Amino acid sequence: MTKARALFACAVACGLLMAGPTAAISQEARSPQALAKVRIVDFAFQPSMISVPRGTMVGWKNFGSVSHTSTSDDGRWNSGTLMPGAIFGVRFRVAGSYSYHCEIHPSMTGTVVVT
């Protein structure tokens, strides 16, 4: 297991990752079965569009020097403020397209496509 994946799994297990529970998305306090990563760099989500199979945990990590959020456009999740170096994850259980943005910097947008 890579160092980054081990840290992410630890954060999940320790309950450091937060997401509002819904039928489609849920926070889980156990190691992720599948993990996809989105980097927050400067003022962009990288990649801005990610496609994952159902059941995948998508993790956002702030590699920038300022705070950001990962906030669903339809209110399904909100990371709260992610300070530089912070991580946040959401497991996607239902196929669909999920748009999100940074509440602090609304021009930052992204999409998770679940197949």
PDB file of N, CA and C in Angstrom:
ATOM      1  N   MET A   1       0.848  -1.169   0.000  1.00  0.00           N
ATOM      2  CA  MET A   1       0.000   0.000   0.000  1.00  0.00           C
ATOM      3  C   MET A   1       0.899   1.239   0.000  1.00  0.00           C
ATOM      4  N   THR A   2       0.579   2.200  -0.872  1.00  0.00           N
ATOM      5  CA  THR A   2       1.383   3.413  -0.928  1.00  0.00           C
ATOM      6  C   THR A   2       1.169   4.243   0.329  1.00  0.00           C
ATOM      7  N   LYS A   3       2.093   5.134   0.612  1.00  0.00           N
ATOM      8  CA  LYS A   3       1.991   5.983   1.801  1.00  0.00           C
ATOM      9  C   LYS A   3       0.715   6.829   1.751  1.00  0.00           C
ATOM     10  N   ALA A   4       0.404   7.414   0.586  1.00  0.00           N
ATOM     11  CA  ALA A   4      -0.782   8.257   0.462  1.00  0.00           C
ATOM     12  C   ALA A   4      -2.051   7.445   0.693  1.00  0.00           C
ATOM     13  N   ARG A   5      -2.104   6.240   0.138  1.00  0.00           N
ATOM     14  CA  ARG A   5      -3.296   5.408   0.318  1.00  0.00           C
ATOM     15  C   ARG A   5      -3.437   4.967   1.771  1.00  0.00           C
ATOM     16  N   ALA A   6      -2.308   4.658   2.417  1.00  0.00           N
ATOM     17  CA  ALA A   6      -2.340   4.267   3.818  1.00  0.00           C
ATOM     18  C   ALA A   6      -2.834   5.425   4.683  1.00  0.00           C
ATOM     19  N   LEU A   7      -2.373   6.650   4.413  1.00  0.00           N
ATOM     20  CA  LEU A   7      -2.837   7.805   5.162  1.00  0.00           C
ATOM     21  C   LEU A   7      -4.319   8.048   4.938  1.00  0.00           C
ATOM     22  N   PHE A   8      -4.774   7.878   3.699  1.00  0.00           N
ATOM     23  CA  PHE A   8      -6.183   8.073   3.388  1.00  0.00           C
ATOM     24  C   PHE A   8      -7.026   7.029   4.111  1.00  0.00           C
ATOM     25  N   ALA A   9      -6.588   5.752   4.076  1.00  0.00           N
ATOM     26  CA  ALA A   9      -7.316   4.684   4.759  1.00  0.00           C
ATOM     27  C   ALA A   9      -7.367   4.948   6.256  1.00  0.00           C
ATOM     28  N   CYS A  10      -6.279   5.455   6.821  1.00  0.00           N
ATOM     29  CA  CYS A  10      -6.237   5.780   8.242  1.00  0.00           C
ATOM     30  C   CYS A  10      -7.234   6.896   8.555  1.00  0.00           C
ATOM     31  N   ALA A  11      -7.285   7.903   7.707  1.00  0.00           N
ATOM     32  CA  ALA A  11      -8.212   9.007   7.929  1.00  0.00           C
ATOM     33  C   ALA A  11      -9.653   8.521   7.867  1.00  0.00           C
ATOM     34  N   VAL A  12      -9.947   7.600   6.949  1.00  0.00           N
ATOM     35  CA  VAL A  12     -11.290   7.039   6.852  1.00  0.00           C
ATOM     36  C   VAL A  12     -11.606   6.280   8.133  1.00  0.00           C
ATOM     37  N   ALA A  13     -10.696   5.403   8.545  1.00  0.00           N
ATOM     38  CA  ALA A  13     -10.918   4.576   9.722  1.00  0.00           C
ATOM     39  C   ALA A  13     -11.042   5.410  10.991  1.00  0.00           C
ATOM     40  N   CYS A  14     -10.330   6.509  11.067  1.00  0.00           N
ATOM     41  CA  CYS A  14     -10.360   7.362  12.261  1.00  0.00           C
ATOM     42  C   CYS A  14     -11.530   8.337  12.246  1.00  0.00           C
ATOM     43  N   GLY A  15     -12.329   8.310  11.191  1.00  0.00           N
ATOM     44  CA  GLY A  15     -13.484   9.196  11.119  1.00  0.00           C
ATOM     45  C   GLY A  15     -13.132  10.636  10.795  1.00  0.00           C
ATOM     46  N   LEU A  16     -11.974  10.861  10.188  1.00  0.00           N
ATOM     47  CA  LEU A  16     -11.566  12.222   9.868  1.00  0.00           C
ATOM     48  C   LEU A  16     -12.202  12.722   8.584  1.00  0.00           C
ATOM     49  N   LEU A  17     -12.734  11.818   7.791  1.00  0.00           N
ATOM     50  CA  LEU A  17     -13.391  12.212   6.554  1.00  0.00           C
ATOM     51  C   LEU A  17     -14.872  12.334   6.836  1.00  0.00           C
ATOM     52  N   MET A  18     -15.484  13.373   6.317  1.00  0.00           N
ATOM     53  CA  MET A  18     -16.871  13.622   6.654  1.00  0.00           C
ATOM     54  C   MET A  18     -17.693  13.834   5.401  1.00  0.00           C
ATOM     55  N   ALA A  19     -18.891  13.311   5.407  1.00  0.00           N
ATOM     56  CA  ALA A  19     -19.840  13.536   4.323  1.00  0.00           C
ATOM     57  C   ALA A  19     -21.225  13.266   4.866  1.00  0.00           C
ATOM     58  N   GLY A  20     -22.182  14.042   4.436  1.00  0.00           N
ATOM     59  CA  GLY A  20     -23.544  13.809   4.874  1.00  0.00           C
ATOM     60  C   GLY A  20     -24.091  12.540   4.256  1.00  0.00           C
ATOM     61  N   PRO A  21     -24.703  11.663   5.051  1.00  0.00           N
ATOM     62  CA  PRO A  21     -25.218  10.405   4.509  1.00  0.00           C
ATOM     63  C   PRO A  21     -26.459  10.631   3.652  1.00  0.00           C
ATOM     64  N   THR A  22     -26.492   9.972   2.509  1.00  0.00           N
ATOM     65  CA  THR A  22     -27.667   9.964   1.641  1.00  0.00           C
ATOM     66  C   THR A  22     -27.774   8.556   1.076  1.00  0.00           C
ATOM     67  N   ALA A  23     -28.819   8.303   0.324  1.00  0.00           N
ATOM     68  CA  ALA A  23     -28.966   6.988  -0.288  1.00  0.00           C
ATOM     69  C   ALA A  23     -27.856   6.718  -1.290  1.00  0.00           C
ATOM     70  N   ALA A  24     -27.348   7.781  -1.925  1.00  0.00           N
ATOM     71  CA  ALA A  24     -26.354   7.608  -2.973  1.00  0.00           C
ATOM     72  C   ALA A  24     -24.925   7.676  -2.446  1.00  0.00           C
ATOM     73  N   ILE A  25     -24.715   8.395  -1.370  1.00  0.00           N
ATOM     74  CA  ILE A  25     -23.363   8.683  -0.900  1.00  0.00           C
ATOM     75  C   ILE A  25     -23.332   8.484   0.600  1.00  0.00           C
ATOM     76  N   SER A  26     -22.263   7.889   1.095  1.00  0.00           N
ATOM     77  CA  SER A  26     -22.186   7.719   2.537  1.00  0.00           C
ATOM     78  C   SER A  26     -20.758   7.763   3.017  1.00  0.00           C
ATOM     79  N   GLN A  27     -20.605   8.224   4.251  1.00  0.00           N
ATOM     80  CA  GLN A  27     -19.309   8.179   4.922  1.00  0.00           C
ATOM     81  C   GLN A  27     -19.167   6.772   5.480  1.00  0.00           C
ATOM     82  N   GLU A  28     -17.992   6.209   5.392  1.00  0.00           N
ATOM     83  CA  GLU A  28     -17.776   4.884   5.946  1.00  0.00           C
ATOM     84  C   GLU A  28     -16.503   4.863   6.749  1.00  0.00           C
ATOM     85  N   ALA A  29     -16.557   4.269   7.908  1.00  0.00           N
ATOM     86  CA  ALA A  29     -15.393   4.202   8.786  1.00  0.00           C
ATOM     87  C   ALA A  29     -14.695   2.856   8.616  1.00  0.00           C
ATOM     88  N   ARG A  30     -14.258   2.584   7.423  1.00  0.00           N
ATOM     89  CA  ARG A  30     -13.460   1.390   7.163  1.00  0.00           C
ATOM     90  C   ARG A  30     -12.619   1.645   5.926  1.00  0.00           C
ATOM     91  N   SER A  31     -11.653   0.789   5.688  1.00  0.00           N
ATOM     92  CA  SER A  31     -10.752   0.980   4.554  1.00  0.00           C
ATOM     93  C   SER A  31     -11.531   0.940   3.249  1.00  0.00           C
ATOM     94  N   PRO A  32     -11.224   1.846   2.321  1.00  0.00           N
ATOM     95  CA  PRO A  32     -11.937   1.866   1.049  1.00  0.00           C
ATOM     96  C   PRO A  32     -11.585   0.652   0.191  1.00  0.00           C
ATOM     97  N   GLN A  33     -12.593   0.113  -0.505  1.00  0.00           N
ATOM     98  CA  GLN A  33     -12.354  -0.993  -1.426  1.00  0.00           C
ATOM     99  C   GLN A  33     -11.728  -0.479  -2.708  1.00  0.00           C
ATOM    100  N   ALA A  34     -12.186   0.659  -3.165  1.00  0.00           N
ATOM    101  CA  ALA A  34     -11.637   1.292  -4.366  1.00  0.00           C
ATOM    102  C   ALA A  34     -11.466   2.769  -4.051  1.00  0.00           C
ATOM    103  N   LEU A  35     -10.399   3.352  -4.549  1.00  0.00           N
ATOM    104  CA  LEU A  35     -10.096   4.737  -4.231  1.00  0.00           C
ATOM    105  C   LEU A  35      -9.703   5.492  -5.494  1.00  0.00           C
ATOM    106  N   ALA A  36     -10.335   6.637  -5.699  1.00  0.00           N
ATOM    107  CA  ALA A  36      -9.965   7.541  -6.783  1.00  0.00           C
ATOM    108  C   ALA A  36      -9.577   8.861  -6.147  1.00  0.00           C
ATOM    109  N   LYS A  37      -8.563   9.508  -6.689  1.00  0.00           N
ATOM    110  CA  LYS A  37      -8.032  10.715  -6.064  1.00  0.00           C
ATOM    111  C   LYS A  37      -8.240  11.944  -6.933  1.00  0.00           C
ATOM    112  N   VAL A  38      -8.636  13.020  -6.270  1.00  0.00           N
ATOM    113  CA  VAL A  38      -8.713  14.334  -6.904  1.00  0.00           C
ATOM    114  C   VAL A  38      -7.795  15.248  -6.112  1.00  0.00           C
ATOM    115  N   ARG A  39      -6.881  15.864  -6.804  1.00  0.00           N
ATOM    116  CA  ARG A  39      -5.955  16.813  -6.173  1.00  0.00           C
ATOM    117  C   ARG A  39      -6.533  18.218  -6.286  1.00  0.00           C
ATOM    118  N   ILE A  40      -6.430  18.974  -5.205  1.00  0.00           N
ATOM    119  CA  ILE A  40      -6.784  20.391  -5.257  1.00  0.00           C
ATOM    120  C   ILE A  40      -5.452  21.127  -5.320  1.00  0.00           C
ATOM    121  N   VAL A  41      -5.188  21.718  -6.481  1.00  0.00           N
ATOM    122  CA  VAL A  41      -3.907  22.391  -6.713  1.00  0.00           C
ATOM    123  C   VAL A  41      -4.198  23.812  -7.172  1.00  0.00           C
ATOM    124  N   ASP A  42      -3.593  24.761  -6.466  1.00  0.00           N
ATOM    125  CA  ASP A  42      -3.836  26.171  -6.749  1.00  0.00           C
ATOM    126  C   ASP A  42      -5.338  26.429  -6.696  1.00  0.00           C
ATOM    127  N   PHE A  43      -5.966  26.732  -7.806  1.00  0.00           N
ATOM    128  CA  PHE A  43      -7.394  27.012  -7.809  1.00  0.00           C
ATOM    129  C   PHE A  43      -8.114  26.121  -8.823  1.00  0.00           C
ATOM    130  N   ALA A  44      -7.810  24.809  -8.741  1.00  0.00           N
ATOM    131  CA  ALA A  44      -8.433  23.853  -9.652  1.00  0.00           C
ATOM    132  C   ALA A  44      -8.493  22.470  -9.018  1.00  0.00           C
ATOM    133  N   PHE A  45      -9.528  21.709  -9.397  1.00  0.00           N
ATOM    134  CA  PHE A  45      -9.614  20.299  -9.065  1.00  0.00           C
ATOM    135  C   PHE A  45      -8.937  19.544 -10.201  1.00  0.00           C
ATOM    136  N   GLN A  46      -8.038  18.641  -9.878  1.00  0.00           N
ATOM    137  CA  GLN A  46      -7.303  17.876 -10.899  1.00  0.00           C
ATOM    138  C   GLN A  46      -7.460  16.390 -10.640  1.00  0.00           C
ATOM    139  N   PRO A  47      -8.138  15.645 -11.501  1.00  0.00           N
ATOM    140  CA  PRO A  47      -8.825  16.121 -12.710  1.00  0.00           C
ATOM    141  C   PRO A  47     -10.139  16.803 -12.347  1.00  0.00           C
ATOM    142  N   SER A  48     -10.628  17.631 -13.247  1.00  0.00           N
ATOM    143  CA  SER A  48     -11.899  18.313 -12.993  1.00  0.00           C
ATOM    144  C   SER A  48     -13.087  17.384 -13.236  1.00  0.00           C
ATOM    145  N   MET A  49     -12.884  16.323 -14.017  1.00  0.00           N
ATOM    146  CA  MET A  49     -13.915  15.312 -14.230  1.00  0.00           C
ATOM    147  C   MET A  49     -13.264  13.956 -14.018  1.00  0.00           C
ATOM    148  N   ILE A  50     -13.904  13.151 -13.163  1.00  0.00           N
ATOM    149  CA  ILE A  50     -13.381  11.823 -12.880  1.00  0.00           C
ATOM    150  C   ILE A  50     -14.516  10.822 -13.030  1.00  0.00           C
ATOM    151  N   SER A  51     -14.229   9.694 -13.654  1.00  0.00           N
ATOM    152  CA  SER A  51     -15.219   8.637 -13.855  1.00  0.00           C
ATOM    153  C   SER A  51     -14.805   7.432 -13.022  1.00  0.00           C
ATOM    154  N   VAL A  52     -15.743   6.921 -12.209  1.00  0.00           N
ATOM    155  CA  VAL A  52     -15.451   5.812 -11.301  1.00  0.00           C
ATOM    156  C   VAL A  52     -16.603   4.809 -11.311  1.00  0.00           C
ATOM    157  N   PRO A  53     -16.315   3.546 -10.997  1.00  0.00           N
ATOM    158  CA  PRO A  53     -17.401   2.577 -10.852  1.00  0.00           C
ATOM    159  C   PRO A  53     -18.115   2.761  -9.510  1.00  0.00           C
ATOM    160  N   ARG A  54     -19.371   2.285  -9.445  1.00  0.00           N
ATOM    161  CA  ARG A  54     -20.128   2.353  -8.191  1.00  0.00           C
ATOM    162  C   ARG A  54     -19.331   1.718  -7.052  1.00  0.00           C
ATOM    163  N   GLY A  55     -19.463   2.283  -5.871  1.00  0.00           N
ATOM    164  CA  GLY A  55     -18.782   1.772  -4.696  1.00  0.00           C
ATOM    165  C   GLY A  55     -17.415   2.375  -4.452  1.00  0.00           C
ATOM    166  N   THR A  56     -16.966   3.237  -5.345  1.00  0.00           N
ATOM    167  CA  THR A  56     -15.634   3.837  -5.224  1.00  0.00           C
ATOM    168  C   THR A  56     -15.654   4.997  -4.242  1.00  0.00           C
ATOM    169  N   MET A  57     -14.602   5.079  -3.427  1.00  0.00           N
ATOM    170  CA  MET A  57     -14.373   6.233  -2.561  1.00  0.00           C
ATOM    171  C   MET A  57     -13.565   7.239  -3.369  1.00  0.00           C
ATOM    172  N   VAL A  58     -14.084   8.454  -3.480  1.00  0.00           N
ATOM    173  CA  VAL A  58     -13.339   9.531  -4.122  1.00  0.00           C
ATOM    174  C   VAL A  58     -12.768  10.387  -2.999  1.00  0.00           C
ATOM    175  N   GLY A  59     -11.461  10.614  -3.063  1.00  0.00           N
ATOM    176  CA  GLY A  59     -10.795  11.413  -2.045  1.00  0.00           C
ATOM    177  C   GLY A  59     -10.232  12.683  -2.645  1.00  0.00           C
ATOM    178  N   TRP A  60     -10.466  13.795  -1.968  1.00  0.00           N
ATOM    179  CA  TRP A  60      -9.908  15.082  -2.359  1.00  0.00           C
ATOM    180  C   TRP A  60      -8.812  15.434  -1.370  1.00  0.00           C
ATOM    181  N   LYS A  61      -7.667  15.876  -1.865  1.00  0.00           N
ATOM    182  CA  LYS A  61      -6.591  16.349  -0.992  1.00  0.00           C
ATOM    183  C   LYS A  61      -6.169  17.730  -1.457  1.00  0.00           C
ATOM    184  N   ASN A  62      -6.053  18.643  -0.489  1.00  0.00           N
ATOM    185  CA  ASN A  62      -5.676  20.013  -0.801  1.00  0.00           C
ATOM    186  C   ASN A  62      -4.156  20.128  -0.835  1.00  0.00           C
ATOM    187  N   PHE A  63      -3.596  20.200  -2.030  1.00  0.00           N
ATOM    188  CA  PHE A  63      -2.168  20.384  -2.228  1.00  0.00           C
ATOM    189  C   PHE A  63      -1.813  21.862  -2.363  1.00  0.00           C
ATOM    190  N   GLY A  64      -2.822  22.736  -2.307  1.00  0.00           N
ATOM    191  CA  GLY A  64      -2.589  24.163  -2.483  1.00  0.00           C
ATOM    192  C   GLY A  64      -2.104  24.835  -1.209  1.00  0.00           C
ATOM    193  N   SER A  65      -1.967  26.134  -1.295  1.00  0.00           N
ATOM    194  CA  SER A  65      -1.483  26.912  -0.150  1.00  0.00           C
ATOM    195  C   SER A  65      -2.600  27.696   0.533  1.00  0.00           C
ATOM    196  N   VAL A  66      -3.832  27.575   0.015  1.00  0.00           N
ATOM    197  CA  VAL A  66      -4.989  28.241   0.624  1.00  0.00           C
ATOM    198  C   VAL A  66      -6.096  27.210   0.843  1.00  0.00           C
ATOM    199  N   SER A  67      -7.077  27.547   1.653  1.00  0.00           N
ATOM    200  CA  SER A  67      -8.187  26.646   1.965  1.00  0.00           C
ATOM    201  C   SER A  67      -9.170  26.539   0.807  1.00  0.00           C
ATOM    202  N   HIS A  68      -9.810  25.362   0.716  1.00  0.00           N
ATOM    203  CA  HIS A  68     -10.825  25.091  -0.306  1.00  0.00           C
ATOM    204  C   HIS A  68     -11.903  24.205   0.305  1.00  0.00           C
ATOM    205  N   THR A  69     -12.960  23.925  -0.466  1.00  0.00           N
ATOM    206  CA  THR A  69     -13.963  22.939  -0.081  1.00  0.00           C
ATOM    207  C   THR A  69     -14.246  22.032  -1.275  1.00  0.00           C
ATOM    208  N   SER A  70     -14.856  20.899  -0.985  1.00  0.00           N
ATOM    209  CA  SER A  70     -15.477  20.058  -2.002  1.00  0.00           C
ATOM    210  C   SER A  70     -16.946  20.006  -1.603  1.00  0.00           C
ATOM    211  N   THR A  71     -17.781  20.693  -2.376  1.00  0.00           N
ATOM    212  CA  THR A  71     -19.179  20.865  -2.008  1.00  0.00           C
ATOM    213  C   THR A  71     -20.070  20.473  -3.177  1.00  0.00           C
ATOM    214  N   SER A  72     -20.932  19.498  -2.948  1.00  0.00           N
ATOM    215  CA  SER A  72     -21.856  19.040  -3.979  1.00  0.00           C
ATOM    216  C   SER A  72     -22.801  20.172  -4.372  1.00  0.00           C
ATOM    217  N   ASP A  73     -23.054  20.305  -5.666  1.00  0.00           N
ATOM    218  CA  ASP A  73     -23.978  21.333  -6.140  1.00  0.00           C
ATOM    219  C   ASP A  73     -25.395  21.110  -5.627  1.00  0.00           C
ATOM    220  N   ASP A  74     -25.767  19.842  -5.355  1.00  0.00           N
ATOM    221  CA  ASP A  74     -27.127  19.549  -4.908  1.00  0.00           C
ATOM    222  C   ASP A  74     -27.215  19.261  -3.408  1.00  0.00           C
ATOM    223  N   GLY A  75     -26.172  19.585  -2.657  1.00  0.00           N
ATOM    224  CA  GLY A  75     -26.217  19.450  -1.209  1.00  0.00           C
ATOM    225  C   GLY A  75     -25.955  18.055  -0.657  1.00  0.00           C
ATOM    226  N   ARG A  76     -25.527  17.113  -1.483  1.00  0.00           N
ATOM    227  CA  ARG A  76     -25.283  15.744  -1.007  1.00  0.00           C
ATOM    228  C   ARG A  76     -24.086  15.651  -0.065  1.00  0.00           C
ATOM    229  N   TRP A  77     -23.065  16.476  -0.271  1.00  0.00           N
ATOM    230  CA  TRP A  77     -21.904  16.483   0.625  1.00  0.00           C
ATOM    231  C   TRP A  77     -21.294  17.869   0.687  1.00  0.00           C
ATOM    232  N   ASN A  78     -20.578  18.110   1.773  1.00  0.00           N
ATOM    233  CA  ASN A  78     -19.821  19.342   1.955  1.00  0.00           C
ATOM    234  C   ASN A  78     -18.646  19.012   2.865  1.00  0.00           C
ATOM    235  N   SER A  79     -17.466  19.183   2.375  1.00  0.00           N
ATOM    236  CA  SER A  79     -16.260  18.850   3.129  1.00  0.00           C
ATOM    237  C   SER A  79     -16.008  19.799   4.289  1.00  0.00           C
ATOM    238  N   GLY A  80     -16.625  20.971   4.252  1.00  0.00           N
ATOM    239  CA  GLY A  80     -16.191  22.016   5.162  1.00  0.00           C
ATOM    240  C   GLY A  80     -14.851  22.536   4.653  1.00  0.00           C
ATOM    241  N   THR A  81     -14.237  23.411   5.398  1.00  0.00           N
ATOM    242  CA  THR A  81     -12.985  24.009   4.964  1.00  0.00           C
ATOM    243  C   THR A  81     -11.854  22.993   5.015  1.00  0.00           C
ATOM    244  N   LEU A  82     -11.187  22.807   3.885  1.00  0.00           N
ATOM    245  CA  LEU A  82     -10.023  21.923   3.795  1.00  0.00           C
ATOM    246  C   LEU A  82      -8.770  22.794   3.783  1.00  0.00           C
ATOM    247  N   MET A  83      -8.085  22.814   4.895  1.00  0.00           N
ATOM    248  CA  MET A  83      -6.831  23.563   4.996  1.00  0.00           C
ATOM    249  C   MET A  83      -5.790  22.873   4.112  1.00  0.00           C
ATOM    250  N   PRO A  84      -4.704  23.544   3.758  1.00  0.00           N
ATOM    251  CA  PRO A  84      -3.641  22.886   2.985  1.00  0.00           C
ATOM    252  C   PRO A  84      -3.210  21.578   3.652  1.00  0.00           C
ATOM    253  N   GLY A  85      -3.162  20.518   2.847  1.00  0.00           N
ATOM    254  CA  GLY A  85      -2.781  19.195   3.335  1.00  0.00           C
ATOM    255  C   GLY A  85      -3.940  18.341   3.805  1.00  0.00           C
ATOM    256  N   ALA A  86      -5.128  18.927   3.978  1.00  0.00           N
ATOM    257  CA  ALA A  86      -6.289  18.179   4.471  1.00  0.00           C
ATOM    258  C   ALA A  86      -6.864  17.272   3.388  1.00  0.00           C
ATOM    259  N   ILE A  87      -7.539  16.205   3.829  1.00  0.00           N
ATOM    260  CA  ILE A  87      -8.186  15.270   2.911  1.00  0.00           C
ATOM    261  C   ILE A  87      -9.644  15.083   3.302  1.00  0.00           C
ATOM    262  N   PHE A  88     -10.428  14.661   2.329  1.00  0.00           N
ATOM    263  CA  PHE A  88     -11.863  14.442   2.505  1.00  0.00           C
ATOM    264  C   PHE A  88     -12.282  13.379   1.514  1.00  0.00           C
ATOM    265  N   GLY A  89     -13.225  12.524   1.869  1.00  0.00           N
ATOM    266  CA  GLY A  89     -13.654  11.482   0.951  1.00  0.00           C
ATOM    267  C   GLY A  89     -15.137  11.200   1.012  1.00  0.00           C
ATOM    268  N   VAL A  90     -15.662  10.723  -0.100  1.00  0.00           N
ATOM    269  CA  VAL A  90     -17.060  10.337  -0.227  1.00  0.00           C
ATOM    270  C   VAL A  90     -17.106   9.046  -1.034  1.00  0.00           C
ATOM    271  N   ARG A  91     -17.885   8.055  -0.559  1.00  0.00           N
ATOM    272  CA  ARG A  91     -18.092   6.821  -1.314  1.00  0.00           C
ATOM    273  C   ARG A  91     -19.354   6.993  -2.162  1.00  0.00           C
ATOM    274  N   PHE A  92     -19.241   6.703  -3.457  1.00  0.00           N
ATOM    275  CA  PHE A  92     -20.349   6.848  -4.405  1.00  0.00           C
ATOM    276  C   PHE A  92     -20.944   5.474  -4.699  1.00  0.00           C
ATOM    277  N   ARG A  93     -22.207   5.276  -4.332  1.00  0.00           N
ATOM    278  CA  ARG A  93     -22.865   3.977  -4.460  1.00  0.00           C
ATOM    279  C   ARG A  93     -23.866   3.892  -5.614  1.00  0.00           C
ATOM    280  N   VAL A  94     -24.298   5.032  -6.127  1.00  0.00           N
ATOM    281  CA  VAL A  94     -25.342   5.049  -7.158  1.00  0.00           C
ATOM    282  C   VAL A  94     -24.803   5.721  -8.416  1.00  0.00           C
ATOM    283  N   ALA A  95     -25.035   5.079  -9.573  1.00  0.00           N
ATOM    284  CA  ALA A  95     -24.584   5.635 -10.846  1.00  0.00           C
ATOM    285  C   ALA A  95     -25.229   6.993 -11.086  1.00  0.00           C
ATOM    286  N   GLY A  96     -24.476   7.873 -11.704  1.00  0.00           N
ATOM    287  CA  GLY A  96     -24.986   9.201 -12.025  1.00  0.00           C
ATOM    288  C   GLY A  96     -23.850  10.186 -12.184  1.00  0.00           C
ATOM    289  N   SER A  97     -24.202  11.419 -12.402  1.00  0.00           N
ATOM    290  CA  SER A  97     -23.229  12.493 -12.550  1.00  0.00           C
ATOM    291  C   SER A  97     -23.409  13.456 -11.383  1.00  0.00           C
ATOM    292  N   TYR A  98     -22.337  13.711 -10.661  1.00  0.00           N
ATOM    293  CA  TYR A  98     -22.378  14.527  -9.453  1.00  0.00           C
ATOM    294  C   TYR A  98     -21.455  15.736  -9.634  1.00  0.00           C
ATOM    295  N   SER A  99     -22.049  16.906  -9.767  1.00  0.00           N
ATOM    296  CA  SER A  99     -21.279  18.143  -9.928  1.00  0.00           C
ATOM    297  C   SER A  99     -20.965  18.729  -8.562  1.00  0.00           C
ATOM    298  N   TYR A 100     -19.798  19.356  -8.464  1.00  0.00           N
ATOM    299  CA  TYR A 100     -19.405  19.968  -7.203  1.00  0.00           C
ATOM    300  C   TYR A 100     -18.566  21.216  -7.466  1.00  0.00           C
ATOM    301  N   HIS A 101     -18.308  21.966  -6.409  1.00  0.00           N
ATOM    302  CA  HIS A 101     -17.566  23.222  -6.514  1.00  0.00           C
ATOM    303  C   HIS A 101     -16.856  23.500  -5.196  1.00  0.00           C
ATOM    304  N   CYS A 102     -16.065  24.544  -5.186  1.00  0.00           N
ATOM    305  CA  CYS A 102     -15.447  25.055  -3.965  1.00  0.00           C
ATOM    306  C   CYS A 102     -16.301  26.243  -3.501  1.00  0.00           C
ATOM    307  N   GLU A 103     -16.819  26.161  -2.281  1.00  0.00           N
ATOM    308  CA  GLU A 103     -17.638  27.269  -1.774  1.00  0.00           C
ATOM    309  C   GLU A 103     -16.837  28.558  -1.620  1.00  0.00           C
ATOM    310  N   ILE A 104     -15.555  28.437  -1.355  1.00  0.00           N
ATOM    311  CA  ILE A 104     -14.709  29.615  -1.156  1.00  0.00           C
ATOM    312  C   ILE A 104     -14.356  30.256  -2.490  1.00  0.00           C
ATOM    313  N   HIS A 105     -14.162  29.415  -3.519  1.00  0.00           N
ATOM    314  CA  HIS A 105     -13.776  29.883  -4.856  1.00  0.00           C
ATOM    315  C   HIS A 105     -14.748  29.261  -5.869  1.00  0.00           C
ATOM    316  N   PRO A 106     -15.935  29.845  -6.060  1.00  0.00           N
ATOM    317  CA  PRO A 106     -16.992  29.246  -6.885  1.00  0.00           C
ATOM    318  C   PRO A 106     -16.604  28.945  -8.328  1.00  0.00           C
ATOM    319  N   SER A 107     -15.535  29.552  -8.836  1.00  0.00           N
ATOM    320  CA  SER A 107     -15.123  29.245 -10.212  1.00  0.00           C
ATOM    321  C   SER A 107     -14.465  27.872 -10.294  1.00  0.00           C
ATOM    322  N   MET A 108     -14.114  27.291  -9.159  1.00  0.00           N
ATOM    323  CA  MET A 108     -13.541  25.939  -9.126  1.00  0.00           C
ATOM    324  C   MET A 108     -14.688  24.936  -9.169  1.00  0.00           C
ATOM    325  N   THR A 109     -14.747  24.139 -10.228  1.00  0.00           N
ATOM    326  CA  THR A 109     -15.835  23.167 -10.360  1.00  0.00           C
ATOM    327  C   THR A 109     -15.278  21.820 -10.778  1.00  0.00           C
ATOM    328  N   GLY A 110     -16.060  20.794 -10.535  1.00  0.00           N
ATOM    329  CA  GLY A 110     -15.680  19.449 -10.940  1.00  0.00           C
ATOM    330  C   GLY A 110     -16.894  18.556 -11.046  1.00  0.00           C
ATOM    331  N   THR A 111     -16.679  17.365 -11.581  1.00  0.00           N
ATOM    332  CA  THR A 111     -17.764  16.392 -11.738  1.00  0.00           C
ATOM    333  C   THR A 111     -17.230  14.998 -11.451  1.00  0.00           C
ATOM    334  N   VAL A 112     -18.012  14.232 -10.702  1.00  0.00           N
ATOM    335  CA  VAL A 112     -17.750  12.806 -10.511  1.00  0.00           C
ATOM    336  C   VAL A 112     -18.819  12.064 -11.292  1.00  0.00           C
ATOM    337  N   VAL A 113     -18.404  11.234 -12.255  1.00  0.00           N
ATOM    338  CA  VAL A 113     -19.338  10.406 -13.028  1.00  0.00           C
ATOM    339  C   VAL A 113     -19.195   8.984 -12.498  1.00  0.00           C
ATOM    340  N   VAL A 114     -20.315   8.445 -12.016  1.00  0.00           N
ATOM    341  CA  VAL A 114     -20.322   7.098 -11.439  1.00  0.00           C
ATOM    342  C   VAL A 114     -21.020   6.165 -12.416  1.00  0.00           C
ATOM    343  N   THR A 115     -20.313   5.090 -12.811  1.00  0.00           N
ATOM    344  CA  THR A 115     -20.863   4.142 -13.791  1.00  0.00           C
ATOM    345  C   THR A 115     -21.303   2.859 -13.121  1.00  0.00           C
TER     346      THR A 115
END
